[in-house]
Amino acid sequence: MWYFAWILGVTAAAAIAVINVMWYEFQDGLVVAVPTHDRPDGSQVPERVV
């Protein structure tokens, strides 16, 4: 019966690893590029979109 706990633990660790990678890829995609010109209305460009 130990193998049930072992396979559940390995599956949970793999799932957490995949979710972690997906989270970091999502966060990396939120970085806004630095504009080369000013905004027409004079407002500031945010560094990150949350």
PDB file of N, CA and C in Angstrom:
ATOM      1  N   MET A   1       0.812  -1.209   0.000  1.00  0.00           N
ATOM      2  CA  MET A   1       0.000   0.000   0.000  1.00  0.00           C
ATOM      3  C   MET A   1       0.855   1.272   0.000  1.00  0.00           C
ATOM      4  N   TRP A   2       2.117   1.150   0.330  1.00  0.00           N
ATOM      5  CA  TRP A   2       2.986   2.326   0.346  1.00  0.00           C
ATOM      6  C   TRP A   2       3.079   2.965  -1.028  1.00  0.00           C
ATOM      7  N   TYR A   3       2.904   2.177  -2.071  1.00  0.00           N
ATOM      8  CA  TYR A   3       3.064   2.697  -3.425  1.00  0.00           C
ATOM      9  C   TYR A   3       1.953   3.672  -3.789  1.00  0.00           C
ATOM     10  N   PHE A   4       0.782   3.565  -3.163  1.00  0.00           N
ATOM     11  CA  PHE A   4      -0.274   4.549  -3.410  1.00  0.00           C
ATOM     12  C   PHE A   4       0.152   5.925  -2.912  1.00  0.00           C
ATOM     13  N   ALA A   5       0.689   5.963  -1.714  1.00  0.00           N
ATOM     14  CA  ALA A   5       1.171   7.238  -1.171  1.00  0.00           C
ATOM     15  C   ALA A   5       2.334   7.770  -2.003  1.00  0.00           C
ATOM     16  N   TRP A   6       3.197   6.889  -2.459  1.00  0.00           N
ATOM     17  CA  TRP A   6       4.353   7.298  -3.258  1.00  0.00           C
ATOM     18  C   TRP A   6       3.909   7.906  -4.584  1.00  0.00           C
ATOM     19  N   ILE A   7       2.994   7.247  -5.288  1.00  0.00           N
ATOM     20  CA  ILE A   7       2.551   7.747  -6.590  1.00  0.00           C
ATOM     21  C   ILE A   7       1.740   9.032  -6.428  1.00  0.00           C
ATOM     22  N   LEU A   8       0.967   9.143  -5.346  1.00  0.00           N
ATOM     23  CA  LEU A   8       0.244  10.393  -5.096  1.00  0.00           C
ATOM     24  C   LEU A   8       1.216  11.531  -4.806  1.00  0.00           C
ATOM     25  N   GLY A   9       2.264  11.255  -4.059  1.00  0.00           N
ATOM     26  CA  GLY A   9       3.260  12.283  -3.758  1.00  0.00           C
ATOM     27  C   GLY A   9       4.013  12.733  -4.992  1.00  0.00           C
ATOM     28  N   VAL A  10       4.402  11.788  -5.832  1.00  0.00           N
ATOM     29  CA  VAL A  10       5.113  12.135  -7.070  1.00  0.00           C
ATOM     30  C   VAL A  10       4.191  12.926  -7.997  1.00  0.00           C
ATOM     31  N   THR A  11       2.941  12.514  -8.096  1.00  0.00           N
ATOM     32  CA  THR A  11       1.979  13.228  -8.937  1.00  0.00           C
ATOM     33  C   THR A  11       1.744  14.640  -8.419  1.00  0.00           C
ATOM     34  N   ALA A  12       1.607  14.797  -7.121  1.00  0.00           N
ATOM     35  CA  ALA A  12       1.407  16.128  -6.546  1.00  0.00           C
ATOM     36  C   ALA A  12       2.629  17.011  -6.773  1.00  0.00           C
ATOM     37  N   ALA A  13       3.819  16.465  -6.620  1.00  0.00           N
ATOM     38  CA  ALA A  13       5.039  17.245  -6.848  1.00  0.00           C
ATOM     39  C   ALA A  13       5.140  17.676  -8.305  1.00  0.00           C
ATOM     40  N   ALA A  14       4.815  16.782  -9.224  1.00  0.00           N
ATOM     41  CA  ALA A  14       4.856  17.127 -10.648  1.00  0.00           C
ATOM     42  C   ALA A  14       3.813  18.188 -10.980  1.00  0.00           C
ATOM     43  N   ALA A  15       2.626  18.070 -10.407  1.00  0.00           N
ATOM     44  CA  ALA A  15       1.576  19.055 -10.659  1.00  0.00           C
ATOM     45  C   ALA A  15       1.976  20.425 -10.124  1.00  0.00           C
ATOM     46  N   ILE A  16       2.559  20.469  -8.939  1.00  0.00           N
ATOM     47  CA  ILE A  16       3.007  21.741  -8.371  1.00  0.00           C
ATOM     48  C   ILE A  16       4.106  22.347  -9.228  1.00  0.00           C
ATOM     49  N   ALA A  17       5.008  21.519  -9.736  1.00  0.00           N
ATOM     50  CA  ALA A  17       6.084  22.018 -10.597  1.00  0.00           C
ATOM     51  C   ALA A  17       5.520  22.609 -11.883  1.00  0.00           C
ATOM     52  N   VAL A  18       4.558  21.944 -12.491  1.00  0.00           N
ATOM     53  CA  VAL A  18       3.959  22.442 -13.735  1.00  0.00           C
ATOM     54  C   VAL A  18       3.211  23.742 -13.481  1.00  0.00           C
ATOM     55  N   ILE A  19       2.448  23.806 -12.404  1.00  0.00           N
ATOM     56  CA  ILE A  19       1.714  25.033 -12.076  1.00  0.00           C
ATOM     57  C   ILE A  19       2.686  26.173 -11.799  1.00  0.00           C
ATOM     58  N   ASN A  20       3.791  25.880 -11.131  1.00  0.00           N
ATOM     59  CA  ASN A  20       4.804  26.887 -10.846  1.00  0.00           C
ATOM     60  C   ASN A  20       5.386  27.455 -12.137  1.00  0.00           C
ATOM     61  N   VAL A  21       5.723  26.592 -13.080  1.00  0.00           N
ATOM     62  CA  VAL A  21       6.274  27.046 -14.360  1.00  0.00           C
ATOM     63  C   VAL A  21       5.248  27.876 -15.117  1.00  0.00           C
ATOM     64  N   MET A  22       3.997  27.443 -15.113  1.00  0.00           N
ATOM     65  CA  MET A  22       2.951  28.208 -15.798  1.00  0.00           C
ATOM     66  C   MET A  22       2.783  29.581 -15.162  1.00  0.00           C
ATOM     67  N   TRP A  23       2.857  29.658 -13.830  1.00  0.00           N
ATOM     68  CA  TRP A  23       2.724  30.931 -13.132  1.00  0.00           C
ATOM     69  C   TRP A  23       3.854  31.885 -13.515  1.00  0.00           C
ATOM     70  N   TYR A  24       5.091  31.391 -13.522  1.00  0.00           N
ATOM     71  CA  TYR A  24       6.225  32.252 -13.863  1.00  0.00           C
ATOM     72  C   TYR A  24       6.186  32.680 -15.322  1.00  0.00           C
ATOM     73  N   GLU A  25       5.745  31.831 -16.223  1.00  0.00           N
ATOM     74  CA  GLU A  25       5.604  32.218 -17.624  1.00  0.00           C
ATOM     75  C   GLU A  25       4.530  33.290 -17.766  1.00  0.00           C
ATOM     76  N   PHE A  26       3.435  33.161 -17.025  1.00  0.00           N
ATOM     77  CA  PHE A  26       2.363  34.156 -17.062  1.00  0.00           C
ATOM     78  C   PHE A  26       2.858  35.490 -16.523  1.00  0.00           C
ATOM     79  N   GLN A  27       3.578  35.474 -15.407  1.00  0.00           N
ATOM     80  CA  GLN A  27       4.096  36.703 -14.818  1.00  0.00           C
ATOM     81  C   GLN A  27       5.109  37.369 -15.736  1.00  0.00           C
ATOM     82  N   ASP A  28       5.927  36.603 -16.433  1.00  0.00           N
ATOM     83  CA  ASP A  28       6.922  37.143 -17.344  1.00  0.00           C
ATOM     84  C   ASP A  28       6.250  37.830 -18.526  1.00  0.00           C
ATOM     85  N   GLY A  29       5.094  37.357 -18.942  1.00  0.00           N
ATOM     86  CA  GLY A  29       4.380  37.950 -20.068  1.00  0.00           C
ATOM     87  C   GLY A  29       3.712  39.262 -19.733  1.00  0.00           C
ATOM     88  N   LEU A  30       3.621  39.613 -18.447  1.00  0.00           N
ATOM     89  CA  LEU A  30       2.948  40.845 -18.050  1.00  0.00           C
ATOM     90  C   LEU A  30       3.852  42.071 -18.083  1.00  0.00           C
ATOM     91  N   VAL A  31       5.136  41.891 -18.311  1.00  0.00           N
ATOM     92  CA  VAL A  31       6.056  43.024 -18.325  1.00  0.00           C
ATOM     93  C   VAL A  31       5.768  43.867 -19.563  1.00  0.00           C
ATOM     94  N   VAL A  32       5.616  45.160 -19.344  1.00  0.00           N
ATOM     95  CA  VAL A  32       5.308  46.081 -20.434  1.00  0.00           C
ATOM     96  C   VAL A  32       6.607  46.586 -21.037  1.00  0.00           C
ATOM     97  N   ALA A  33       6.668  46.638 -22.346  1.00  0.00           N
ATOM     98  CA  ALA A  33       7.861  47.141 -23.027  1.00  0.00           C
ATOM     99  C   ALA A  33       8.007  48.643 -22.786  1.00  0.00           C
ATOM    100  N   VAL A  34       9.232  49.116 -22.772  1.00  0.00           N
ATOM    101  CA  VAL A  34       9.499  50.539 -22.579  1.00  0.00           C
ATOM    102  C   VAL A  34       9.172  51.265 -23.883  1.00  0.00           C
ATOM    103  N   PRO A  35       8.288  52.258 -23.831  1.00  0.00           N
ATOM    104  CA  PRO A  35       7.920  52.967 -25.059  1.00  0.00           C
ATOM    105  C   PRO A  35       9.057  53.868 -25.549  1.00  0.00           C
ATOM    106  N   THR A  36       9.083  54.095 -26.836  1.00  0.00           N
ATOM    107  CA  THR A  36      10.107  54.965 -27.416  1.00  0.00           C
ATOM    108  C   THR A  36       9.616  56.396 -27.564  1.00  0.00           C
ATOM    109  N   HIS A  37       8.361  56.652 -27.207  1.00  0.00           N
ATOM    110  CA  HIS A  37       7.798  58.001 -27.326  1.00  0.00           C
ATOM    111  C   HIS A  37       6.859  58.266 -26.155  1.00  0.00           C
ATOM    112  N   ASP A  38       6.517  59.524 -25.926  1.00  0.00           N
ATOM    113  CA  ASP A  38       5.608  59.901 -24.844  1.00  0.00           C
ATOM    114  C   ASP A  38       4.166  59.567 -25.231  1.00  0.00           C
ATOM    115  N   ARG A  39       3.354  59.369 -24.212  1.00  0.00           N
ATOM    116  CA  ARG A  39       1.926  59.162 -24.452  1.00  0.00           C
ATOM    117  C   ARG A  39       1.297  60.495 -24.828  1.00  0.00           C
ATOM    118  N   PRO A  40       0.296  60.481 -25.698  1.00  0.00           N
ATOM    119  CA  PRO A  40      -0.329  61.737 -26.133  1.00  0.00           C
ATOM    120  C   PRO A  40      -0.992  62.518 -24.999  1.00  0.00           C
ATOM    121  N   ASP A  41      -1.553  61.806 -24.004  1.00  0.00           N
ATOM    122  CA  ASP A  41      -2.240  62.506 -22.923  1.00  0.00           C
ATOM    123  C   ASP A  41      -1.312  62.873 -21.771  1.00  0.00           C
ATOM    124  N   GLY A  42      -0.033  62.541 -21.863  1.00  0.00           N
ATOM    125  CA  GLY A  42       0.930  62.909 -20.834  1.00  0.00           C
ATOM    126  C   GLY A  42       0.964  61.984 -19.634  1.00  0.00           C
ATOM    127  N   SER A  43       0.167  60.905 -19.640  1.00  0.00           N
ATOM    128  CA  SER A  43       0.154  59.981 -18.503  1.00  0.00           C
ATOM    129  C   SER A  43       1.390  59.090 -18.530  1.00  0.00           C
ATOM    130  N   GLN A  44       1.661  58.476 -17.373  1.00  0.00           N
ATOM    131  CA  GLN A  44       2.837  57.620 -17.235  1.00  0.00           C
ATOM    132  C   GLN A  44       2.513  56.194 -17.679  1.00  0.00           C
ATOM    133  N   VAL A  45       3.492  55.524 -18.240  1.00  0.00           N
ATOM    134  CA  VAL A  45       3.343  54.125 -18.633  1.00  0.00           C
ATOM    135  C   VAL A  45       3.663  53.257 -17.419  1.00  0.00           C
ATOM    136  N   PRO A  46       2.772  52.328 -17.033  1.00  0.00           N
ATOM    137  CA  PRO A  46       3.068  51.468 -15.881  1.00  0.00           C
ATOM    138  C   PRO A  46       4.208  50.510 -16.198  1.00  0.00           C
ATOM    139  N   GLU A  47       4.988  50.171 -15.153  1.00  0.00           N
ATOM    140  CA  GLU A  47       6.090  49.233 -15.350  1.00  0.00           C
ATOM    141  C   GLU A  47       5.581  47.805 -15.486  1.00  0.00           C
ATOM    142  N   ARG A  48       4.520  47.485 -14.753  1.00  0.00           N
ATOM    143  CA  ARG A  48       3.931  46.145 -14.835  1.00  0.00           C
ATOM    144  C   ARG A  48       2.422  46.281 -14.857  1.00  0.00           C
ATOM    145  N   VAL A  49       1.783  45.380 -15.561  1.00  0.00           N
ATOM    146  CA  VAL A  49       0.328  45.331 -15.577  1.00  0.00           C
ATOM    147  C   VAL A  49      -0.088  44.238 -14.607  1.00  0.00           C
ATOM    148  N   VAL A  50      -0.947  44.586 -13.669  1.00  0.00           N
ATOM    149  CA  VAL A  50      -1.370  43.600 -12.676  1.00  0.00           C
ATOM    150  C   VAL A  50      -2.839  43.330 -12.844  1.00  0.00           C
TER     151      VAL A  50
END
